[in-house]
Amino acid sequence: MNIEIDKIISLFKENNFSDAKKLCEKVENNFSNDANFYVLYGAVLFQLDQISESIEKFDKSILINPKNSDAFYNRGNVFSKIQDFEKAILNFDNSITLKKNNPEAYNNRGSALLQLYKFDEALNNFNKALELNINHHSARKNKAYLFEKKGDYNKSVNELNELLKLDKKNFEIIL
């Protein structure tokens, strides 16, 4: 790793996105051919709600390395945030094609599908996320929400009970 990249990651983890952005701007020329740098830069901009700029950085990452699953995954998250669920799904599809064992990508694709009322496809994605990580809280919670939207309240409650089993002391987990 590089000292500047390490510093950007540290600032990101500290939620100091403004300083992370400033450092990204300062060192961008040094990393102009580094797809992973642009994923990090895009993630910083996403946290600052600079949506179009964030998409540009993920686009640049994909241009440099079309097999960068993280760029597709993060760009999918941006499209989900702006409620362009079709584009989000396409990006999660690409991410999953490149990296089949990412439970977050399946969960987030499931969430986008759920927003489009594609319940069966969404459920399949939540189940795949749980297959990859049985303790995936968001996938379990999303499954409960899916069953609630379908009017199957018993299954919804069962999923919430499973969620509570994962973290018995934290009742806020189901909120």
C-alpha atoms as a PDB file:
ATOM      1  CA  MET A   1       0.000   0.000   0.000  1.00  0.00           C
ATOM      2  CA  ASN A   2       0.897   3.617  -0.404  1.00  0.00           C
ATOM      3  CA  ILE A   3       1.125   6.154   2.425  1.00  0.00           C
ATOM      4  CA  GLU A   4      -1.417   8.472   0.776  1.00  0.00           C
ATOM      5  CA  ILE A   5      -3.874   5.619   0.166  1.00  0.00           C
ATOM      6  CA  ASP A   6      -3.453   4.470   3.763  1.00  0.00           C
ATOM      7  CA  LYS A   7      -4.188   8.019   4.952  1.00  0.00           C
ATOM      8  CA  ILE A   8      -7.310   8.276   2.750  1.00  0.00           C
ATOM      9  CA  ILE A   9      -8.551   4.940   4.105  1.00  0.00           C
ATOM     10  CA  SER A  10      -7.870   6.088   7.652  1.00  0.00           C
ATOM     11  CA  LEU A  11      -9.784   9.350   7.104  1.00  0.00           C
ATOM     12  CA  PHE A  12     -12.636   7.372   5.521  1.00  0.00           C
ATOM     13  CA  LYS A  13     -12.849   5.033   8.519  1.00  0.00           C
ATOM     14  CA  GLU A  14     -12.909   8.082  10.805  1.00  0.00           C
ATOM     15  CA  ASN A  15     -15.827   9.505   8.741  1.00  0.00           C
ATOM     16  CA  ASN A  16     -13.633  12.467   7.852  1.00  0.00           C
ATOM     17  CA  PHE A  17     -14.794  12.525   4.256  1.00  0.00           C
ATOM     18  CA  SER A  18     -13.983  16.191   3.556  1.00  0.00           C
ATOM     19  CA  ASP A  19     -10.307  15.725   4.353  1.00  0.00           C
ATOM     20  CA  ALA A  20     -10.302  12.394   2.506  1.00  0.00           C
ATOM     21  CA  LYS A  21     -11.652  14.193  -0.571  1.00  0.00           C
ATOM     22  CA  LYS A  22      -9.002  16.900  -0.306  1.00  0.00           C
ATOM     23  CA  LEU A  23      -6.271  14.283  -0.152  1.00  0.00           C
ATOM     24  CA  CYS A  24      -7.790  12.399  -3.110  1.00  0.00           C
ATOM     25  CA  GLU A  25      -7.779  15.610  -5.126  1.00  0.00           C
ATOM     26  CA  LYS A  26      -4.168  16.299  -4.146  1.00  0.00           C
ATOM     27  CA  VAL A  27      -2.802  12.875  -5.116  1.00  0.00           C
ATOM     28  CA  GLU A  28      -5.090  11.923  -8.022  1.00  0.00           C
ATOM     29  CA  ASN A  29      -2.414  12.503 -10.665  1.00  0.00           C
ATOM     30  CA  ASN A  30      -0.178   9.975  -8.897  1.00  0.00           C
ATOM     31  CA  PHE A  31      -2.874   7.294  -9.211  1.00  0.00           C
ATOM     32  CA  SER A  32      -4.383   8.126 -12.603  1.00  0.00           C
ATOM     33  CA  ASN A  33      -4.087   4.480 -13.730  1.00  0.00           C
ATOM     34  CA  ASP A  34      -5.121   2.858 -10.431  1.00  0.00           C
ATOM     35  CA  ALA A  35      -8.669   1.443 -10.579  1.00  0.00           C
ATOM     36  CA  ASN A  36      -8.757   0.830  -6.834  1.00  0.00           C
ATOM     37  CA  PHE A  37      -7.858   4.463  -6.111  1.00  0.00           C
ATOM     38  CA  TYR A  38     -10.908   5.555  -8.102  1.00  0.00           C
ATOM     39  CA  VAL A  39     -13.142   3.135  -6.182  1.00  0.00           C
ATOM     40  CA  LEU A  40     -11.914   4.709  -2.958  1.00  0.00           C
ATOM     41  CA  TYR A  41     -12.298   8.240  -4.345  1.00  0.00           C
ATOM     42  CA  GLY A  42     -15.804   7.420  -5.559  1.00  0.00           C
ATOM     43  CA  ALA A  43     -16.727   6.018  -2.155  1.00  0.00           C
ATOM     44  CA  VAL A  44     -15.515   9.224  -0.470  1.00  0.00           C
ATOM     45  CA  LEU A  45     -17.603  11.343  -2.835  1.00  0.00           C
ATOM     46  CA  PHE A  46     -20.624   9.091  -2.290  1.00  0.00           C
ATOM     47  CA  GLN A  47     -20.376   9.695   1.456  1.00  0.00           C
ATOM     48  CA  LEU A  48     -20.381  13.424   0.732  1.00  0.00           C
ATOM     49  CA  ASP A  49     -23.554  13.006  -1.407  1.00  0.00           C
ATOM     50  CA  GLN A  50     -21.674  14.120  -4.503  1.00  0.00           C
ATOM     51  CA  ILE A  51     -23.542  11.629  -6.617  1.00  0.00           C
ATOM     52  CA  SER A  52     -22.564  12.508 -10.200  1.00  0.00           C
ATOM     53  CA  GLU A  53     -18.915  12.975  -9.221  1.00  0.00           C
ATOM     54  CA  SER A  54     -19.002   9.632  -7.428  1.00  0.00           C
ATOM     55  CA  ILE A  55     -20.395   7.880 -10.504  1.00  0.00           C
ATOM     56  CA  GLU A  56     -17.649   9.504 -12.617  1.00  0.00           C
ATOM     57  CA  LYS A  57     -14.948   8.035 -10.382  1.00  0.00           C
ATOM     58  CA  PHE A  58     -16.513   4.558 -10.491  1.00  0.00           C
ATOM     59  CA  ASP A  59     -16.805   4.890 -14.270  1.00  0.00           C
ATOM     60  CA  LYS A  60     -13.113   5.772 -14.432  1.00  0.00           C
ATOM     61  CA  SER A  61     -12.242   2.747 -12.293  1.00  0.00           C
ATOM     62  CA  ILE A  62     -14.223   0.473 -14.622  1.00  0.00           C
ATOM     63  CA  LEU A  63     -12.575   2.058 -17.664  1.00  0.00           C
ATOM     64  CA  ILE A  64      -9.148   1.272 -16.174  1.00  0.00           C
ATOM     65  CA  ASN A  65     -10.156  -2.218 -15.028  1.00  0.00           C
ATOM     66  CA  PRO A  66     -13.445  -3.599 -16.410  1.00  0.00           C
ATOM     67  CA  LYS A  67     -13.111  -6.562 -14.028  1.00  0.00           C
ATOM     68  CA  ASN A  68     -13.171  -4.473 -10.847  1.00  0.00           C
ATOM     69  CA  SER A  69     -16.169  -5.918  -9.018  1.00  0.00           C
ATOM     70  CA  ASP A  70     -15.901  -3.294  -6.258  1.00  0.00           C
ATOM     71  CA  ALA A  71     -16.429  -0.474  -8.757  1.00  0.00           C
ATOM     72  CA  PHE A  72     -19.615  -2.090 -10.074  1.00  0.00           C
ATOM     73  CA  TYR A  73     -20.799  -2.851  -6.529  1.00  0.00           C
ATOM     74  CA  ASN A  74     -20.271   0.709  -5.329  1.00  0.00           C
ATOM     75  CA  ARG A  75     -21.786   2.218  -8.464  1.00  0.00           C
ATOM     76  CA  GLY A  76     -24.801  -0.025  -7.843  1.00  0.00           C
ATOM     77  CA  ASN A  77     -25.110   1.472  -4.367  1.00  0.00           C
ATOM     78  CA  VAL A  78     -25.082   4.974  -5.839  1.00  0.00           C
ATOM     79  CA  PHE A  79     -27.847   4.096  -8.294  1.00  0.00           C
ATOM     80  CA  SER A  80     -29.862   2.540  -5.466  1.00  0.00           C
ATOM     81  CA  LYS A  81     -29.514   5.712  -3.438  1.00  0.00           C
ATOM     82  CA  ILE A  82     -30.908   7.816  -6.278  1.00  0.00           C
ATOM     83  CA  GLN A  83     -33.613   5.179  -6.810  1.00  0.00           C
ATOM     84  CA  ASP A  84     -32.492   4.160 -10.284  1.00  0.00           C
ATOM     85  CA  PHE A  85     -33.041   0.525  -9.395  1.00  0.00           C
ATOM     86  CA  GLU A  86     -32.701  -0.868 -12.924  1.00  0.00           C
ATOM     87  CA  LYS A  87     -29.175   0.571 -13.229  1.00  0.00           C
ATOM     88  CA  ALA A  88     -28.408  -0.545  -9.689  1.00  0.00           C
ATOM     89  CA  ILE A  89     -29.391  -4.122 -10.545  1.00  0.00           C
ATOM     90  CA  LEU A  90     -27.240  -4.106 -13.690  1.00  0.00           C
ATOM     91  CA  ASN A  91     -24.248  -2.976 -11.655  1.00  0.00           C
ATOM     92  CA  PHE A  92     -24.850  -5.560  -8.937  1.00  0.00           C
ATOM     93  CA  ASP A  93     -25.206  -8.186 -11.696  1.00  0.00           C
ATOM     94  CA  ASN A  94     -21.777  -7.210 -13.042  1.00  0.00           C
ATOM     95  CA  SER A  95     -20.261  -7.200  -9.571  1.00  0.00           C
ATOM     96  CA  ILE A  96     -21.636 -10.673  -8.833  1.00  0.00           C
ATOM     97  CA  THR A  97     -20.469 -12.015 -12.199  1.00  0.00           C
ATOM     98  CA  LEU A  98     -16.949 -10.904 -11.306  1.00  0.00           C
ATOM     99  CA  LYS A  99     -17.070 -11.907  -7.615  1.00  0.00           C
ATOM    100  CA  LYS A 100     -19.665 -14.545  -6.866  1.00  0.00           C
ATOM    101  CA  ASN A 101     -19.054 -14.779  -3.113  1.00  0.00           C
ATOM    102  CA  ASN A 102     -19.975 -11.228  -2.037  1.00  0.00           C
ATOM    103  CA  PRO A 103     -23.066 -11.430   0.203  1.00  0.00           C
ATOM    104  CA  GLU A 104     -23.399  -7.632   0.208  1.00  0.00           C
ATOM    105  CA  ALA A 105     -23.866  -7.564  -3.566  1.00  0.00           C
ATOM    106  CA  TYR A 106     -26.619 -10.188  -3.371  1.00  0.00           C
ATOM    107  CA  ASN A 107     -28.310  -8.381  -0.501  1.00  0.00           C
ATOM    108  CA  ASN A 108     -28.187  -5.013  -2.240  1.00  0.00           C
ATOM    109  CA  ARG A 109     -29.381  -6.477  -5.536  1.00  0.00           C
ATOM    110  CA  GLY A 110     -32.229  -8.079  -3.582  1.00  0.00           C
ATOM    111  CA  SER A 111     -33.096  -4.705  -2.068  1.00  0.00           C
ATOM    112  CA  ALA A 112     -33.215  -3.086  -5.517  1.00  0.00           C
ATOM    113  CA  LEU A 113     -35.373  -5.932  -6.838  1.00  0.00           C
ATOM    114  CA  LEU A 114     -37.674  -5.557  -3.842  1.00  0.00           C
ATOM    115  CA  GLN A 115     -38.180  -1.882  -4.699  1.00  0.00           C
ATOM    116  CA  LEU A 116     -39.380  -3.031  -8.128  1.00  0.00           C
ATOM    117  CA  TYR A 117     -41.756  -5.564  -6.500  1.00  0.00           C
ATOM    118  CA  LYS A 118     -39.808  -8.491  -7.942  1.00  0.00           C
ATOM    119  CA  PHE A 119     -40.375 -10.512  -4.791  1.00  0.00           C
ATOM    120  CA  ASP A 120     -39.207 -13.935  -5.957  1.00  0.00           C
ATOM    121  CA  GLU A 121     -35.965 -12.611  -7.409  1.00  0.00           C
ATOM    122  CA  ALA A 122     -35.372 -10.476  -4.326  1.00  0.00           C
ATOM    123  CA  LEU A 123     -35.971 -13.445  -2.030  1.00  0.00           C
ATOM    124  CA  ASN A 124     -33.504 -15.553  -4.033  1.00  0.00           C
ATOM    125  CA  ASN A 125     -30.876 -12.847  -3.557  1.00  0.00           C
ATOM    126  CA  PHE A 126     -31.484 -12.505   0.179  1.00  0.00           C
ATOM    127  CA  ASN A 127     -31.265 -16.290   0.505  1.00  0.00           C
ATOM    128  CA  LYS A 128     -27.985 -16.325  -1.437  1.00  0.00           C
ATOM    129  CA  ALA A 129     -26.573 -13.603   0.823  1.00  0.00           C
ATOM    130  CA  LEU A 130     -27.568 -15.704   3.834  1.00  0.00           C
ATOM    131  CA  GLU A 131     -26.077 -18.831   2.250  1.00  0.00           C
ATOM    132  CA  LEU A 132     -22.776 -16.954   1.956  1.00  0.00           C
ATOM    133  CA  ASN A 133     -23.068 -15.438   5.432  1.00  0.00           C
ATOM    134  CA  ILE A 134     -25.689 -16.962   7.743  1.00  0.00           C
ATOM    135  CA  ASN A 135     -25.245 -14.011  10.136  1.00  0.00           C
ATOM    136  CA  HIS A 136     -25.947 -11.336   7.527  1.00  0.00           C
ATOM    137  CA  HIS A 137     -28.218  -9.008   9.495  1.00  0.00           C
ATOM    138  CA  SER A 138     -29.341  -6.844   6.581  1.00  0.00           C
ATOM    139  CA  ALA A 139     -30.309  -9.800   4.398  1.00  0.00           C
ATOM    140  CA  ARG A 140     -32.349 -11.295   7.239  1.00  0.00           C
ATOM    141  CA  LYS A 141     -34.009  -7.951   7.936  1.00  0.00           C
ATOM    142  CA  ASN A 142     -34.718  -7.413   4.240  1.00  0.00           C
ATOM    143  CA  LYS A 143     -36.265 -10.863   4.022  1.00  0.00           C
ATOM    144  CA  ALA A 144     -38.592  -9.958   6.895  1.00  0.00           C
ATOM    145  CA  TYR A 145     -39.528  -6.729   5.119  1.00  0.00           C
ATOM    146  CA  LEU A 146     -40.187  -8.634   1.888  1.00  0.00           C
ATOM    147  CA  PHE A 147     -42.573 -11.022   3.660  1.00  0.00           C
ATOM    148  CA  GLU A 148     -44.312  -8.063   5.300  1.00  0.00           C
ATOM    149  CA  LYS A 149     -44.790  -6.389   1.898  1.00  0.00           C
ATOM    150  CA  LYS A 150     -46.258  -9.647   0.576  1.00  0.00           C
ATOM    151  CA  GLY A 151     -48.646  -9.778   3.541  1.00  0.00           C
ATOM    152  CA  ASP A 152     -47.062 -12.920   4.984  1.00  0.00           C
ATOM    153  CA  TYR A 153     -46.735 -11.626   8.522  1.00  0.00           C
ATOM    154  CA  ASN A 154     -45.935 -14.999  10.084  1.00  0.00           C
ATOM    155  CA  LYS A 155     -42.866 -15.443   7.880  1.00  0.00           C
ATOM    156  CA  SER A 156     -41.897 -11.839   8.555  1.00  0.00           C
ATOM    157  CA  VAL A 157     -42.040 -12.400  12.315  1.00  0.00           C
ATOM    158  CA  ASN A 158     -40.090 -15.650  11.939  1.00  0.00           C
ATOM    159  CA  GLU A 159     -37.314 -13.810  10.128  1.00  0.00           C
ATOM    160  CA  LEU A 160     -37.224 -11.119  12.807  1.00  0.00           C
ATOM    161  CA  ASN A 161     -37.002 -13.834  15.466  1.00  0.00           C
ATOM    162  CA  GLU A 162     -34.053 -15.349  13.578  1.00  0.00           C
ATOM    163  CA  LEU A 163     -32.479 -11.911  13.515  1.00  0.00           C
ATOM    164  CA  LEU A 164     -32.883 -11.563  17.268  1.00  0.00           C
ATOM    165  CA  LYS A 165     -31.243 -14.965  17.771  1.00  0.00           C
ATOM    166  CA  LEU A 166     -28.159 -13.558  16.087  1.00  0.00           C
ATOM    167  CA  ASP A 167     -27.953 -10.713  18.580  1.00  0.00           C
ATOM    168  CA  LYS A 168     -30.091 -11.413  21.650  1.00  0.00           C
ATOM    169  CA  LYS A 169     -28.960  -8.312  23.524  1.00  0.00           C
ATOM    170  CA  ASN A 170     -29.655  -5.859  20.734  1.00  0.00           C
ATOM    171  CA  PHE A 171     -33.395  -5.418  20.188  1.00  0.00           C
ATOM    172  CA  GLU A 172     -32.729  -2.311  18.065  1.00  0.00           C
ATOM    173  CA  ILE A 173     -31.464  -4.627  15.364  1.00  0.00           C
ATOM    174  CA  ILE A 174     -35.031  -5.206  14.151  1.00  0.00           C
ATOM    175  CA  LEU A 175     -35.886  -1.507  13.894  1.00  0.00           C
END
